[in-house]
C-alpha atoms as a PDB file:
ATOM      1  CA  MET A   1       0.042   0.094  -0.034  1.00  0.00           C
ATOM      2  CA  SER A   2       1.465   3.441  -0.963  1.00  0.00           C
ATOM      3  CA  LYS A   3       0.894   6.500   0.875  1.00  0.00           C
ATOM      4  CA  LEU A   4       1.298   9.921  -0.694  1.00  0.00           C
ATOM      5  CA  VAL A   5       2.532  12.369   1.704  1.00  0.00           C
ATOM      6  CA  LYS A   6       2.800  16.133   1.286  1.00  0.00           C
ATOM      7  CA  ILE A   7       5.892  17.595   2.656  1.00  0.00           C
ATOM      8  CA  ALA A   8       6.220  21.154   3.533  1.00  0.00           C
ATOM      9  CA  ILE A   9       9.735  22.421   2.525  1.00  0.00           C
ATOM     10  CA  GLN A  10      11.391  25.639   2.881  1.00  0.00           C
ATOM     11  CA  ILE A  11      13.503  26.725  -0.277  1.00  0.00           C
ATOM     12  CA  TYR A  12      16.626  29.021   0.098  1.00  0.00           C
ATOM     13  CA  THR A  13      19.150  29.847  -2.284  1.00  0.00           C
ATOM     14  CA  LEU A  14      22.849  28.885  -1.378  1.00  0.00           C
ATOM     15  CA  THR A  15      23.654  32.542  -0.853  1.00  0.00           C
ATOM     16  CA  ASP A  16      20.496  33.054   1.232  1.00  0.00           C
ATOM     17  CA  ALA A  17      21.365  30.046   3.370  1.00  0.00           C
ATOM     18  CA  ARG A  18      24.916  31.245   3.801  1.00  0.00           C
ATOM     19  CA  ASN A  19      23.758  34.527   5.026  1.00  0.00           C
ATOM     20  CA  GLN A  20      20.650  33.104   7.147  1.00  0.00           C
ATOM     21  CA  HIS A  21      22.291  29.897   8.316  1.00  0.00           C
ATOM     22  CA  GLY A  22      20.825  30.475  11.869  1.00  0.00           C
ATOM     23  CA  GLU A  23      17.136  30.637  10.256  1.00  0.00           C
ATOM     24  CA  VAL A  24      18.041  27.675   8.006  1.00  0.00           C
ATOM     25  CA  PHE A  25      19.052  25.488  10.838  1.00  0.00           C
ATOM     26  CA  ASP A  26      16.113  26.391  12.843  1.00  0.00           C
ATOM     27  CA  LYS A  27      13.904  25.552  10.016  1.00  0.00           C
ATOM     28  CA  VAL A  28      15.478  22.230   9.657  1.00  0.00           C
ATOM     29  CA  THR A  29      14.174  21.123  13.176  1.00  0.00           C
ATOM     30  CA  THR A  30      10.680  21.194  11.899  1.00  0.00           C
ATOM     31  CA  GLU A  31      10.821  20.723   8.020  1.00  0.00           C
ATOM     32  CA  PRO A  32      13.387  19.726   5.362  1.00  0.00           C
ATOM     33  CA  VAL A  33      15.080  22.629   3.564  1.00  0.00           C
ATOM     34  CA  LEU A  34      15.906  22.854  -0.072  1.00  0.00           C
ATOM     35  CA  LEU A  35      18.923  24.614  -1.126  1.00  0.00           C
ATOM     36  CA  THR A  36      19.079  25.852  -4.755  1.00  0.00           C
ATOM     37  CA  LYS A  37      21.957  26.898  -6.993  1.00  0.00           C
ATOM     38  CA  GLN A  38      21.002  28.960 -10.090  1.00  0.00           C
ATOM     39  CA  SER A  39      17.389  28.230  -9.383  1.00  0.00           C
ATOM     40  CA  LEU A  40      17.890  24.425  -9.547  1.00  0.00           C
ATOM     41  CA  PRO A  41      17.699  22.167  -6.697  1.00  0.00           C
ATOM     42  CA  SER A  42      21.092  21.459  -5.209  1.00  0.00           C
ATOM     43  CA  TYR A  43      20.916  20.199  -1.616  1.00  0.00           C
ATOM     44  CA  VAL A  44      18.289  19.035   0.845  1.00  0.00           C
ATOM     45  CA  ILE A  45      19.028  19.523   4.510  1.00  0.00           C
ATOM     46  CA  ILE A  46      17.207  17.380   7.209  1.00  0.00           C
ATOM     47  CA  SER A  47      17.530  17.048  10.961  1.00  0.00           C
ATOM     48  CA  ALA A  48      19.429  13.984  12.211  1.00  0.00           C
ATOM     49  CA  GLN A  49      16.248  12.607  13.658  1.00  0.00           C
ATOM     50  CA  SER A  50      14.559  12.748  10.316  1.00  0.00           C
ATOM     51  CA  TYR A  51      17.619  11.195   8.747  1.00  0.00           C
ATOM     52  CA  GLU A  52      17.422   8.419  11.266  1.00  0.00           C
ATOM     53  CA  LYS A  53      13.661   7.794  10.505  1.00  0.00           C
ATOM     54  CA  LEU A  54      14.324   7.805   6.910  1.00  0.00           C
ATOM     55  CA  ILE A  55      17.087   5.240   6.952  1.00  0.00           C
ATOM     56  CA  HIS A  56      14.930   3.098   9.396  1.00  0.00           C
ATOM     57  CA  ARG A  57      12.042   3.150   7.111  1.00  0.00           C
ATOM     58  CA  LEU A  58      14.380   2.313   4.001  1.00  0.00           C
ATOM     59  CA  LYS A  59      15.794  -0.765   5.736  1.00  0.00           C
ATOM     60  CA  GLU A  60      12.149  -1.772   6.693  1.00  0.00           C
ATOM     61  CA  LEU A  61      11.142  -1.559   2.939  1.00  0.00           C
ATOM     62  CA  GLU A  62      14.438  -3.316   1.850  1.00  0.00           C
ATOM     63  CA  ASP A  63      13.511  -6.177   4.412  1.00  0.00           C
ATOM     64  CA  MET A  64       9.799  -6.432   3.118  1.00  0.00           C
ATOM     65  CA  LEU A  65      11.076  -6.379  -0.526  1.00  0.00           C
ATOM     66  CA  LEU A  66      13.570  -9.211   0.337  1.00  0.00           C
ATOM     67  CA  GLY A  67      10.852 -11.190   2.188  1.00  0.00           C
ATOM     68  CA  GLN A  68       8.358 -10.897  -0.724  1.00  0.00           C
ATOM     69  CA  SER A  69      11.169 -12.131  -3.138  1.00  0.00           C
ATOM     70  CA  ALA A  70      11.801 -15.060  -0.940  1.00  0.00           C
ATOM     71  CA  GLU A  71       8.092 -15.876  -0.881  1.00  0.00           C
ATOM     72  CA  VAL A  72       8.099 -15.810  -4.560  1.00  0.00           C
ATOM     73  CA  ALA A  73      11.078 -17.956  -4.931  1.00  0.00           C
ATOM     74  CA  LEU A  74       9.634 -20.549  -2.467  1.00  0.00           C
ATOM     75  CA  THR A  75       6.381 -20.804  -4.445  1.00  0.00           C
ATOM     76  CA  GLN A  76       8.286 -21.252  -7.794  1.00  0.00           C
ATOM     77  CA  SER A  77      10.750 -23.787  -6.383  1.00  0.00           C
ATOM     78  CA  LYS A  78      10.429 -27.616  -6.390  1.00  0.00           C
ATOM     79  CA  MET A  79      11.794 -30.317  -4.182  1.00  0.00           C
ATOM     80  CA  VAL A  80      13.731 -33.094  -5.556  1.00  0.00           C
ATOM     81  CA  SER A  81      15.196 -36.198  -4.331  1.00  0.00           C
ATOM     82  CA  ILE A  82      19.199 -36.437  -3.926  1.00  0.00           C
ATOM     83  CA  GLU A  83      19.087 -38.976  -6.795  1.00  0.00           C
ATOM     84  CA  VAL A  84      17.327 -36.742  -9.154  1.00  0.00           C
ATOM     85  CA  PHE A  85      19.614 -33.823  -8.057  1.00  0.00           C
ATOM     86  CA  ASN A  86      22.606 -35.966  -8.669  1.00  0.00           C
ATOM     87  CA  ILE A  87      21.290 -37.019 -12.238  1.00  0.00           C
ATOM     88  CA  CYS A  88      20.773 -33.214 -13.011  1.00  0.00           C
ATOM     89  CA  THR A  89      23.923 -32.024 -11.617  1.00  0.00           C
ATOM     90  CA  GLY A  90      26.108 -34.912 -13.070  1.00  0.00           C
ATOM     91  CA  GLY A  91      26.832 -36.295  -9.505  1.00  0.00           C
ATOM     92  CA  PHE A  92      27.792 -32.947  -8.173  1.00  0.00           C
ATOM     93  CA  SER A  93      26.793 -33.751  -4.700  1.00  0.00           C
ATOM     94  CA  SER A  94      28.780 -36.079  -2.716  1.00  0.00           C
ATOM     95  CA  TRP A  95      25.813 -37.559  -0.708  1.00  0.00           C
END
């Protein structure tokens, strides 16, 4: 299930961020800050807490995807006897 989340973001030019760094860092405690260079997005600054939450969620999603891939692999696999395995692999197994 996908959730669309609207994120409030304050935008500063790199020059403004340099001149108003105190304000920028205060803003970062409550929302991400986008820095632009020549009117193009250049950097996003987020708080350490937001970064940790983002990384934690990314790991959760990676684990979920890995689990789903394993489930698909299991549903598509077949068990065979050691004899069949040896025949198919040319006696690769030493059992």
